[in-house]
Structures are given as C-alpha cells and as structure tokens.
C-alpha cells in the first residue's frame, strides 16, 4: 500500500451481516461505537449491516423478502384499505 493516501481513521473493521450472520474483516473509515473479537483474538470496531454479498439475492441466487422496517406490512395494509374503498364506490 502506498504511504499517506488513506485517511487517518482507516483501520480494519468487522462488518456483521444481520440477515445471514456472516462477518467480514475489511479496511474502512466507518465510525462505530461497538467492538468485537475476530478469529485472530484481536478486538476490532464492529459495524452492523442489513445486506451484504452473503445475503443479497443477486449473489446468493435465492429470492427472499428482507423487511427490517415493516415496510411490506404497511404496504399491504394500505393496499387492502385502497381495495376496500374501491369496492364501496362501485
């Protein structure tokens, strides 16, 4: 690696994929408040992500709905209310 081309806070960070449970140790500048131990016994900053290559359908070939914020359920509620409103008018 060339000297003096990376920011001062560039360091190894553990990225934890919440969907699959996979963990990656990658160099990053992301700000984190948590730390965890890696397989080498050292402690590194920990960042949690919802999707990575271990859980994204493009890479896994498996289609699944990842709804961490309840968006699908809210959409279904809105759609059923809209369909009910149309039936009453007809």
PDB file of N, CA and C in Angstrom:
ATOM      1  N   UNK A   1       0.840  -1.180   0.000  1.00  0.00           N
ATOM      2  CA  UNK A   1       0.000   0.000   0.000  1.00  0.00           C
ATOM      3  C   UNK A   1       0.892   1.253   0.000  1.00  0.00           C
ATOM      4  N   UNK A   2       0.496   2.248  -0.754  1.00  0.00           N
ATOM      5  CA  UNK A   2       1.241   3.493  -0.783  1.00  0.00           C
ATOM      6  C   UNK A   2       1.057   4.232   0.534  1.00  0.00           C
ATOM      7  N   UNK A   3       2.061   4.942   0.926  1.00  0.00           N
ATOM      8  CA  UNK A   3       2.015   5.733   2.160  1.00  0.00           C
ATOM      9  C   UNK A   3       1.234   7.020   1.936  1.00  0.00           C
ATOM     10  N   UNK A   4       0.554   7.465   2.973  1.00  0.00           N
ATOM     11  CA  UNK A   4      -0.125   8.769   3.022  1.00  0.00           C
ATOM     12  C   UNK A   4      -1.225   8.959   1.981  1.00  0.00           C
ATOM     13  N   UNK A   5      -1.893   7.880   1.535  1.00  0.00           N
ATOM     14  CA  UNK A   5      -3.018   8.057   0.621  1.00  0.00           C
ATOM     15  C   UNK A   5      -4.353   7.748   1.298  1.00  0.00           C
ATOM     16  N   UNK A   6      -4.312   7.127   2.473  1.00  0.00           N
ATOM     17  CA  UNK A   6      -5.545   6.802   3.186  1.00  0.00           C
ATOM     18  C   UNK A   6      -5.791   7.802   4.317  1.00  0.00           C
ATOM     19  N   UNK A   7      -7.065   8.007   4.680  1.00  0.00           N
ATOM     20  CA  UNK A   7      -7.374   8.890   5.810  1.00  0.00           C
ATOM     21  C   UNK A   7      -6.768   8.342   7.106  1.00  0.00           C
ATOM     22  N   UNK A   8      -6.653   9.211   8.095  1.00  0.00           N
ATOM     23  CA  UNK A   8      -6.050   8.823   9.379  1.00  0.00           C
ATOM     24  C   UNK A   8      -6.855   7.751  10.100  1.00  0.00           C
ATOM     25  N   UNK A   9      -8.186   7.726   9.912  1.00  0.00           N
ATOM     26  CA  UNK A   9      -9.014   6.770  10.644  1.00  0.00           C
ATOM     27  C   UNK A   9      -9.261   5.473   9.856  1.00  0.00           C
ATOM     28  N   UNK A  10      -8.460   5.180   8.847  1.00  0.00           N
ATOM     29  CA  UNK A  10      -8.574   3.935   8.079  1.00  0.00           C
ATOM     30  C   UNK A  10      -7.974   2.805   8.899  1.00  0.00           C
ATOM     31  N   UNK A  11      -8.801   1.765   9.188  1.00  0.00           N
ATOM     32  CA  UNK A  11      -8.350   0.650  10.010  1.00  0.00           C
ATOM     33  C   UNK A  11      -9.221  -0.561   9.709  1.00  0.00           C
ATOM     34  N   UNK A  12      -8.823  -1.768  10.136  1.00  0.00           N
ATOM     35  CA  UNK A  12      -9.671  -2.948   9.940  1.00  0.00           C
ATOM     36  C   UNK A  12     -10.948  -2.845  10.779  1.00  0.00           C
ATOM     37  N   UNK A  13     -12.085  -3.192  10.174  1.00  0.00           N
ATOM     38  CA  UNK A  13     -13.386  -3.142  10.849  1.00  0.00           C
ATOM     39  C   UNK A  13     -14.118  -4.451  10.566  1.00  0.00           C
ATOM     40  N   UNK A  14     -14.794  -4.990  11.575  1.00  0.00           N
ATOM     41  CA  UNK A  14     -15.624  -6.171  11.398  1.00  0.00           C
ATOM     42  C   UNK A  14     -17.001  -5.710  10.946  1.00  0.00           C
ATOM     43  N   UNK A  15     -17.464  -6.218   9.797  1.00  0.00           N
ATOM     44  CA  UNK A  15     -18.818  -5.947   9.318  1.00  0.00           C
ATOM     45  C   UNK A  15     -19.652  -7.192   9.562  1.00  0.00           C
ATOM     46  N   UNK A  16     -20.735  -7.049  10.320  1.00  0.00           N
ATOM     47  CA  UNK A  16     -21.621  -8.152  10.661  1.00  0.00           C
ATOM     48  C   UNK A  16     -22.906  -8.021   9.839  1.00  0.00           C
ATOM     49  N   UNK A  17     -23.192  -9.029   9.000  1.00  0.00           N
ATOM     50  CA  UNK A  17     -24.408  -9.053   8.195  1.00  0.00           C
ATOM     51  C   UNK A  17     -25.544  -9.564   9.064  1.00  0.00           C
ATOM     52  N   UNK A  18     -26.510  -8.705   9.379  1.00  0.00           N
ATOM     53  CA  UNK A  18     -27.623  -9.081  10.250  1.00  0.00           C
ATOM     54  C   UNK A  18     -28.514 -10.152   9.637  1.00  0.00           C
ATOM     55  N   UNK A  19     -28.631 -10.186   8.313  1.00  0.00           N
ATOM     56  CA  UNK A  19     -29.526 -11.132   7.652  1.00  0.00           C
ATOM     57  C   UNK A  19     -28.961 -12.551   7.634  1.00  0.00           C
ATOM     58  N   UNK A  20     -27.657 -12.697   7.401  1.00  0.00           N
ATOM     59  CA  UNK A  20     -27.083 -14.035   7.262  1.00  0.00           C
ATOM     60  C   UNK A  20     -26.204 -14.456   8.432  1.00  0.00           C
ATOM     61  N   UNK A  21     -25.758 -13.494   9.222  1.00  0.00           N
ATOM     62  CA  UNK A  21     -24.869 -13.819  10.332  1.00  0.00           C
ATOM     63  C   UNK A  21     -23.398 -13.871   9.932  1.00  0.00           C
ATOM     64  N   UNK A  22     -23.101 -13.693   8.658  1.00  0.00           N
ATOM     65  CA  UNK A  22     -21.711 -13.693   8.183  1.00  0.00           C
ATOM     66  C   UNK A  22     -20.989 -12.462   8.702  1.00  0.00           C
ATOM     67  N   UNK A  23     -19.672 -12.604   8.872  1.00  0.00           N
ATOM     68  CA  UNK A  23     -18.850 -11.494   9.340  1.00  0.00           C
ATOM     69  C   UNK A  23     -17.653 -11.353   8.417  1.00  0.00           C
ATOM     70  N   UNK A  24     -17.256 -10.095   8.139  1.00  0.00           N
ATOM     71  CA  UNK A  24     -16.136  -9.794   7.266  1.00  0.00           C
ATOM     72  C   UNK A  24     -15.205  -8.829   7.972  1.00  0.00           C
ATOM     73  N   UNK A  25     -13.907  -9.004   7.841  1.00  0.00           N
ATOM     74  CA  UNK A  25     -12.923  -8.062   8.365  1.00  0.00           C
ATOM     75  C   UNK A  25     -12.352  -7.318   7.171  1.00  0.00           C
ATOM     76  N   UNK A  26     -12.687  -6.024   7.087  1.00  0.00           N
ATOM     77  CA  UNK A  26     -12.337  -5.201   5.929  1.00  0.00           C
ATOM     78  C   UNK A  26     -11.817  -3.854   6.411  1.00  0.00           C
ATOM     79  N   UNK A  27     -10.892  -3.277   5.688  1.00  0.00           N
ATOM     80  CA  UNK A  27     -10.412  -1.941   6.000  1.00  0.00           C
ATOM     81  C   UNK A  27     -11.485  -0.907   5.694  1.00  0.00           C
ATOM     82  N   UNK A  28     -11.710   0.033   6.627  1.00  0.00           N
ATOM     83  CA  UNK A  28     -12.768   1.024   6.449  1.00  0.00           C
ATOM     84  C   UNK A  28     -12.506   2.252   7.313  1.00  0.00           C
ATOM     85  N   UNK A  29     -13.230   3.328   7.003  1.00  0.00           N
ATOM     86  CA  UNK A  29     -13.182   4.544   7.815  1.00  0.00           C
ATOM     87  C   UNK A  29     -14.498   4.772   8.550  1.00  0.00           C
ATOM     88  N   UNK A  30     -15.420   3.796   8.525  1.00  0.00           N
ATOM     89  CA  UNK A  30     -16.737   3.948   9.154  1.00  0.00           C
ATOM     90  C   UNK A  30     -16.583   4.197  10.662  1.00  0.00           C
ATOM     91  N   UNK A  31     -17.422   5.071  11.182  1.00  0.00           N
ATOM     92  CA  UNK A  31     -17.411   5.365  12.615  1.00  0.00           C
ATOM     93  C   UNK A  31     -18.302   4.366  13.343  1.00  0.00           C
ATOM     94  N   UNK A  32     -17.781   3.722  14.374  1.00  0.00           N
ATOM     95  CA  UNK A  32     -18.547   2.758  15.153  1.00  0.00           C
ATOM     96  C   UNK A  32     -18.315   2.980  16.638  1.00  0.00           C
ATOM     97  N   UNK A  33     -19.279   2.541  17.445  1.00  0.00           N
ATOM     98  CA  UNK A  33     -19.145   2.626  18.894  1.00  0.00           C
ATOM     99  C   UNK A  33     -18.922   1.259  19.528  1.00  0.00           C
ATOM    100  N   UNK A  34     -19.159   0.193  18.759  1.00  0.00           N
ATOM    101  CA  UNK A  34     -19.033  -1.163  19.285  1.00  0.00           C
ATOM    102  C   UNK A  34     -17.721  -1.788  18.842  1.00  0.00           C
ATOM    103  N   UNK A  35     -17.256  -2.772  19.613  1.00  0.00           N
ATOM    104  CA  UNK A  35     -16.089  -3.559  19.238  1.00  0.00           C
ATOM    105  C   UNK A  35     -16.399  -5.026  19.481  1.00  0.00           C
ATOM    106  N   UNK A  36     -15.635  -5.903  18.820  1.00  0.00           N
ATOM    107  CA  UNK A  36     -15.810  -7.336  18.999  1.00  0.00           C
ATOM    108  C   UNK A  36     -14.497  -8.021  18.643  1.00  0.00           C
ATOM    109  N   UNK A  37     -14.344  -9.267  19.100  1.00  0.00           N
ATOM    110  CA  UNK A  37     -13.126 -10.015  18.802  1.00  0.00           C
ATOM    111  C   UNK A  37     -13.278 -10.772  17.495  1.00  0.00           C
ATOM    112  N   UNK A  38     -12.193 -10.807  16.736  1.00  0.00           N
ATOM    113  CA  UNK A  38     -12.141 -11.543  15.480  1.00  0.00           C
ATOM    114  C   UNK A  38     -11.490 -12.894  15.745  1.00  0.00           C
ATOM    115  N   UNK A  39     -11.399 -13.741  14.750  1.00  0.00           N
ATOM    116  CA  UNK A  39     -10.857 -15.088  14.929  1.00  0.00           C
ATOM    117  C   UNK A  39      -9.377 -15.093  15.316  1.00  0.00           C
ATOM    118  N   UNK A  40      -8.673 -13.999  15.077  1.00  0.00           N
ATOM    119  CA  UNK A  40      -7.266 -13.923  15.455  1.00  0.00           C
ATOM    120  C   UNK A  40      -7.074 -13.522  16.918  1.00  0.00           C
ATOM    121  N   UNK A  41      -8.191 -13.306  17.639  1.00  0.00           N
ATOM    122  CA  UNK A  41      -8.127 -12.952  19.049  1.00  0.00           C
ATOM    123  C   UNK A  41      -8.022 -11.460  19.316  1.00  0.00           C
ATOM    124  N   UNK A  42      -7.827 -10.652  18.287  1.00  0.00           N
ATOM    125  CA  UNK A  42      -7.727  -9.202  18.448  1.00  0.00           C
ATOM    126  C   UNK A  42      -9.115  -8.585  18.440  1.00  0.00           C
ATOM    127  N   UNK A  43      -9.231  -7.421  19.058  1.00  0.00           N
ATOM    128  CA  UNK A  43     -10.504  -6.700  19.104  1.00  0.00           C
ATOM    129  C   UNK A  43     -10.500  -5.600  18.052  1.00  0.00           C
ATOM    130  N   UNK A  44     -11.613  -5.529  17.282  1.00  0.00           N
ATOM    131  CA  UNK A  44     -11.753  -4.561  16.203  1.00  0.00           C
ATOM    132  C   UNK A  44     -13.087  -3.831  16.343  1.00  0.00           C
ATOM    133  N   UNK A  45     -13.211  -2.639  15.732  1.00  0.00           N
ATOM    134  CA  UNK A  45     -14.518  -1.964  15.690  1.00  0.00           C
ATOM    135  C   UNK A  45     -15.524  -2.849  14.955  1.00  0.00           C
ATOM    136  N   UNK A  46     -16.799  -2.787  15.366  1.00  0.00           N
ATOM    137  CA  UNK A  46     -17.859  -3.603  14.785  1.00  0.00           C
ATOM    138  C   UNK A  46     -18.921  -2.714  14.159  1.00  0.00           C
ATOM    139  N   UNK A  47     -19.274  -3.011  12.901  1.00  0.00           N
ATOM    140  CA  UNK A  47     -20.348  -2.298  12.203  1.00  0.00           C
ATOM    141  C   UNK A  47     -21.356  -3.329  11.720  1.00  0.00           C
ATOM    142  N   UNK A  48     -22.641  -3.086  11.973  1.00  0.00           N
ATOM    143  CA  UNK A  48     -23.699  -3.995  11.536  1.00  0.00           C
ATOM    144  C   UNK A  48     -24.317  -3.472  10.250  1.00  0.00           C
ATOM    145  N   UNK A  49     -24.543  -4.387   9.299  1.00  0.00           N
ATOM    146  CA  UNK A  49     -25.176  -4.039   8.025  1.00  0.00           C
ATOM    147  C   UNK A  49     -26.356  -4.974   7.794  1.00  0.00           C
ATOM    148  N   UNK A  50     -27.372  -4.498   7.087  1.00  0.00           N
ATOM    149  CA  UNK A  50     -28.560  -5.304   6.821  1.00  0.00           C
ATOM    150  C   UNK A  50     -28.356  -6.260   5.661  1.00  0.00           C
ATOM    151  N   UNK A  51     -27.565  -5.873   4.673  1.00  0.00           N
ATOM    152  CA  UNK A  51     -27.365  -6.691   3.479  1.00  0.00           C
ATOM    153  C   UNK A  51     -25.890  -6.660   3.089  1.00  0.00           C
ATOM    154  N   UNK A  52     -25.366  -7.819   2.720  1.00  0.00           N
ATOM    155  CA  UNK A  52     -24.015  -7.918   2.171  1.00  0.00           C
ATOM    156  C   UNK A  52     -24.043  -8.942   1.052  1.00  0.00           C
ATOM    157  N   UNK A  53     -22.895  -9.258   0.503  1.00  0.00           N
ATOM    158  CA  UNK A  53     -22.857 -10.264  -0.559  1.00  0.00           C
ATOM    159  C   UNK A  53     -23.270 -11.637  -0.046  1.00  0.00           C
ATOM    160  N   UNK A  54     -23.220 -11.854   1.255  1.00  0.00           N
ATOM    161  CA  UNK A  54     -23.623 -13.142   1.826  1.00  0.00           C
ATOM    162  C   UNK A  54     -25.135 -13.297   1.903  1.00  0.00           C
ATOM    163  N   UNK A  55     -25.893 -12.194   1.833  1.00  0.00           N
ATOM    164  CA  UNK A  55     -27.351 -12.292   1.962  1.00  0.00           C
ATOM    165  C   UNK A  55     -28.118 -11.663   0.801  1.00  0.00           C
ATOM    166  N   UNK A  56     -27.444 -10.939  -0.093  1.00  0.00           N
ATOM    167  CA  UNK A  56     -28.137 -10.287  -1.203  1.00  0.00           C
ATOM    168  C   UNK A  56     -28.564 -11.321  -2.242  1.00  0.00           C
ATOM    169  N   UNK A  57     -29.819 -11.270  -2.704  1.00  0.00           N
ATOM    170  CA  UNK A  57     -30.315 -12.258  -3.672  1.00  0.00           C
ATOM    171  C   UNK A  57     -29.498 -12.347  -4.962  1.00  0.00           C
ATOM    172  N   UNK A  58     -28.898 -11.262  -5.388  1.00  0.00           N
ATOM    173  CA  UNK A  58     -28.092 -11.294  -6.613  1.00  0.00           C
ATOM    174  C   UNK A  58     -26.929 -12.269  -6.470  1.00  0.00           C
ATOM    175  N   UNK A  59     -26.289 -12.281  -5.303  1.00  0.00           N
ATOM    176  CA  UNK A  59     -25.131 -13.140  -5.081  1.00  0.00           C
ATOM    177  C   UNK A  59     -25.513 -14.537  -4.621  1.00  0.00           C
ATOM    178  N   UNK A  60     -26.604 -14.670  -3.886  1.00  0.00           N
ATOM    179  CA  UNK A  60     -26.987 -15.977  -3.343  1.00  0.00           C
ATOM    180  C   UNK A  60     -27.856 -16.775  -4.303  1.00  0.00           C
ATOM    181  N   UNK A  61     -28.556 -16.100  -5.223  1.00  0.00           N
ATOM    182  CA  UNK A  61     -29.451 -16.785  -6.137  1.00  0.00           C
ATOM    183  C   UNK A  61     -30.764 -17.180  -5.497  1.00  0.00           C
ATOM    184  N   UNK A  62     -31.001 -16.748  -4.267  1.00  0.00           N
ATOM    185  CA  UNK A  62     -32.235 -17.058  -3.557  1.00  0.00           C
ATOM    186  C   UNK A  62     -33.009 -15.774  -3.327  1.00  0.00           C
ATOM    187  N   UNK A  63     -34.282 -15.795  -3.717  1.00  0.00           N
ATOM    188  CA  UNK A  63     -35.109 -14.614  -3.525  1.00  0.00           C
ATOM    189  C   UNK A  63     -35.767 -14.686  -2.160  1.00  0.00           C
ATOM    190  N   UNK A  64     -35.656 -13.612  -1.387  1.00  0.00           N
ATOM    191  CA  UNK A  64     -36.339 -13.543  -0.107  1.00  0.00           C
ATOM    192  C   UNK A  64     -36.628 -12.087   0.221  1.00  0.00           C
ATOM    193  N   UNK A  65     -37.657 -11.869   1.015  1.00  0.00           N
ATOM    194  CA  UNK A  65     -38.047 -10.526   1.392  1.00  0.00           C
ATOM    195  C   UNK A  65     -37.358 -10.173   2.702  1.00  0.00           C
ATOM    196  N   UNK A  66     -36.572  -9.086   2.678  1.00  0.00           N
ATOM    197  CA  UNK A  66     -35.926  -8.603   3.890  1.00  0.00           C
ATOM    198  C   UNK A  66     -36.624  -7.328   4.306  1.00  0.00           C
ATOM    199  N   UNK A  67     -37.396  -7.403   5.361  1.00  0.00           N
ATOM    200  CA  UNK A  67     -38.199  -6.269   5.790  1.00  0.00           C
ATOM    201  C   UNK A  67     -37.818  -5.902   7.213  1.00  0.00           C
ATOM    202  N   UNK A  68     -36.812  -5.057   7.363  1.00  0.00           N
ATOM    203  CA  UNK A  68     -36.352  -4.688   8.693  1.00  0.00           C
ATOM    204  C   UNK A  68     -37.154  -3.544   9.283  1.00  0.00           C
ATOM    205  N   UNK A  69     -37.883  -2.810   8.454  1.00  0.00           N
ATOM    206  CA  UNK A  69     -38.600  -1.637   8.961  1.00  0.00           C
ATOM    207  C   UNK A  69     -40.115  -1.789   8.886  1.00  0.00           C
ATOM    208  N   UNK A  70     -40.635  -2.971   8.539  1.00  0.00           N
ATOM    209  CA  UNK A  70     -42.075  -3.171   8.472  1.00  0.00           C
ATOM    210  C   UNK A  70     -42.718  -2.559   7.248  1.00  0.00           C
ATOM    211  N   UNK A  71     -41.945  -2.285   6.215  1.00  0.00           N
ATOM    212  CA  UNK A  71     -42.473  -1.617   5.027  1.00  0.00           C
ATOM    213  C   UNK A  71     -43.453  -2.494   4.264  1.00  0.00           C
ATOM    214  N   UNK A  72     -43.173  -3.784   4.175  1.00  0.00           N
ATOM    215  CA  UNK A  72     -44.061  -4.685   3.430  1.00  0.00           C
ATOM    216  C   UNK A  72     -45.426  -4.742   4.095  1.00  0.00           C
ATOM    217  N   UNK A  73     -45.444  -4.866   5.405  1.00  0.00           N
ATOM    218  CA  UNK A  73     -46.719  -4.932   6.140  1.00  0.00           C
ATOM    219  C   UNK A  73     -47.511  -3.630   5.982  1.00  0.00           C
ATOM    220  N   UNK A  74     -46.838  -2.494   6.048  1.00  0.00           N
ATOM    221  CA  UNK A  74     -47.530  -1.214   5.867  1.00  0.00           C
ATOM    222  C   UNK A  74     -48.097  -1.092   4.462  1.00  0.00           C
ATOM    223  N   UNK A  75     -47.345  -1.570   3.456  1.00  0.00           N
ATOM    224  CA  UNK A  75     -47.831  -1.531   2.079  1.00  0.00           C
ATOM    225  C   UNK A  75     -49.072  -2.402   1.921  1.00  0.00           C
ATOM    226  N   UNK A  76     -49.041  -3.591   2.491  1.00  0.00           N
ATOM    227  CA  UNK A  76     -50.189  -4.497   2.398  1.00  0.00           C
ATOM    228  C   UNK A  76     -51.418  -3.880   3.062  1.00  0.00           C
ATOM    229  N   UNK A  77     -51.249  -3.217   4.190  1.00  0.00           N
ATOM    230  CA  UNK A  77     -52.368  -2.544   4.869  1.00  0.00           C
ATOM    231  C   UNK A  77     -52.946  -1.442   3.996  1.00  0.00           C
ATOM    232  N   UNK A  78     -52.085  -0.622   3.391  1.00  0.00           N
ATOM    233  CA  UNK A  78     -52.557   0.446   2.516  1.00  0.00           C
ATOM    234  C   UNK A  78     -53.277  -0.117   1.306  1.00  0.00           C
ATOM    235  N   UNK A  79     -52.731  -1.175   0.728  1.00  0.00           N
ATOM    236  CA  UNK A  79     -53.335  -1.780  -0.459  1.00  0.00           C
ATOM    237  C   UNK A  79     -54.704  -2.367  -0.142  1.00  0.00           C
ATOM    238  N   UNK A  80     -54.847  -3.002   1.012  1.00  0.00           N
ATOM    239  CA  UNK A  80     -56.147  -3.587   1.359  1.00  0.00           C
ATOM    240  C   UNK A  80     -57.179  -2.494   1.648  1.00  0.00           C
ATOM    241  N   UNK A  81     -56.745  -1.398   2.272  1.00  0.00           N
ATOM    242  CA  UNK A  81     -57.666  -0.286   2.522  1.00  0.00           C
ATOM    243  C   UNK A  81     -58.102   0.357   1.211  1.00  0.00           C
ATOM    244  N   UNK A  82     -57.161   0.505   0.276  1.00  0.00           N
ATOM    245  CA  UNK A  82     -57.499   1.101  -1.022  1.00  0.00           C
ATOM    246  C   UNK A  82     -58.431   0.196  -1.799  1.00  0.00           C
ATOM    247  N   UNK A  83     -58.227  -1.094  -1.748  1.00  0.00           N
ATOM    248  CA  UNK A  83     -59.096  -2.030  -2.451  1.00  0.00           C
ATOM    249  C   UNK A  83     -60.488  -2.029  -1.824  1.00  0.00           C
ATOM    250  N   UNK A  84     -60.571  -1.913  -0.518  1.00  0.00           N
ATOM    251  CA  UNK A  84     -61.865  -1.851   0.168  1.00  0.00           C
ATOM    252  C   UNK A  84     -62.612  -0.585  -0.179  1.00  0.00           C
ATOM    253  N   UNK A  85     -61.939   0.536  -0.344  1.00  0.00           N
ATOM    254  CA  UNK A  85     -62.560   1.794  -0.712  1.00  0.00           C
ATOM    255  C   UNK A  85     -63.123   1.762  -2.121  1.00  0.00           C
ATOM    256  N   UNK A  86     -62.449   1.080  -3.017  1.00  0.00           N
ATOM    257  CA  UNK A  86     -62.916   0.989  -4.404  1.00  0.00           C
ATOM    258  C   UNK A  86     -64.166   0.128  -4.500  1.00  0.00           C
ATOM    259  N   UNK A  87     -64.249  -0.902  -3.691  1.00  0.00           N
ATOM    260  CA  UNK A  87     -65.416  -1.791  -3.745  1.00  0.00           C
ATOM    261  C   UNK A  87     -66.679  -1.070  -3.287  1.00  0.00           C
ATOM    262  N   UNK A  88     -66.570  -0.208  -2.289  1.00  0.00           N
ATOM    263  CA  UNK A  88     -67.728   0.510  -1.768  1.00  0.00           C
ATOM    264  C   UNK A  88     -68.288   1.489  -2.801  1.00  0.00           C
ATOM    265  N   UNK A  89     -67.417   2.146  -3.570  1.00  0.00           N
ATOM    266  CA  UNK A  89     -67.839   3.126  -4.552  1.00  0.00           C
ATOM    267  C   UNK A  89     -68.511   2.476  -5.767  1.00  0.00           C
ATOM    268  N   UNK A  90     -68.155   1.269  -6.076  1.00  0.00           N
ATOM    269  CA  UNK A  90     -68.701   0.592  -7.266  1.00  0.00           C
ATOM    270  C   UNK A  90     -70.053   0.062  -6.988  1.00  0.00           C
TER     271      UNK A  90
END
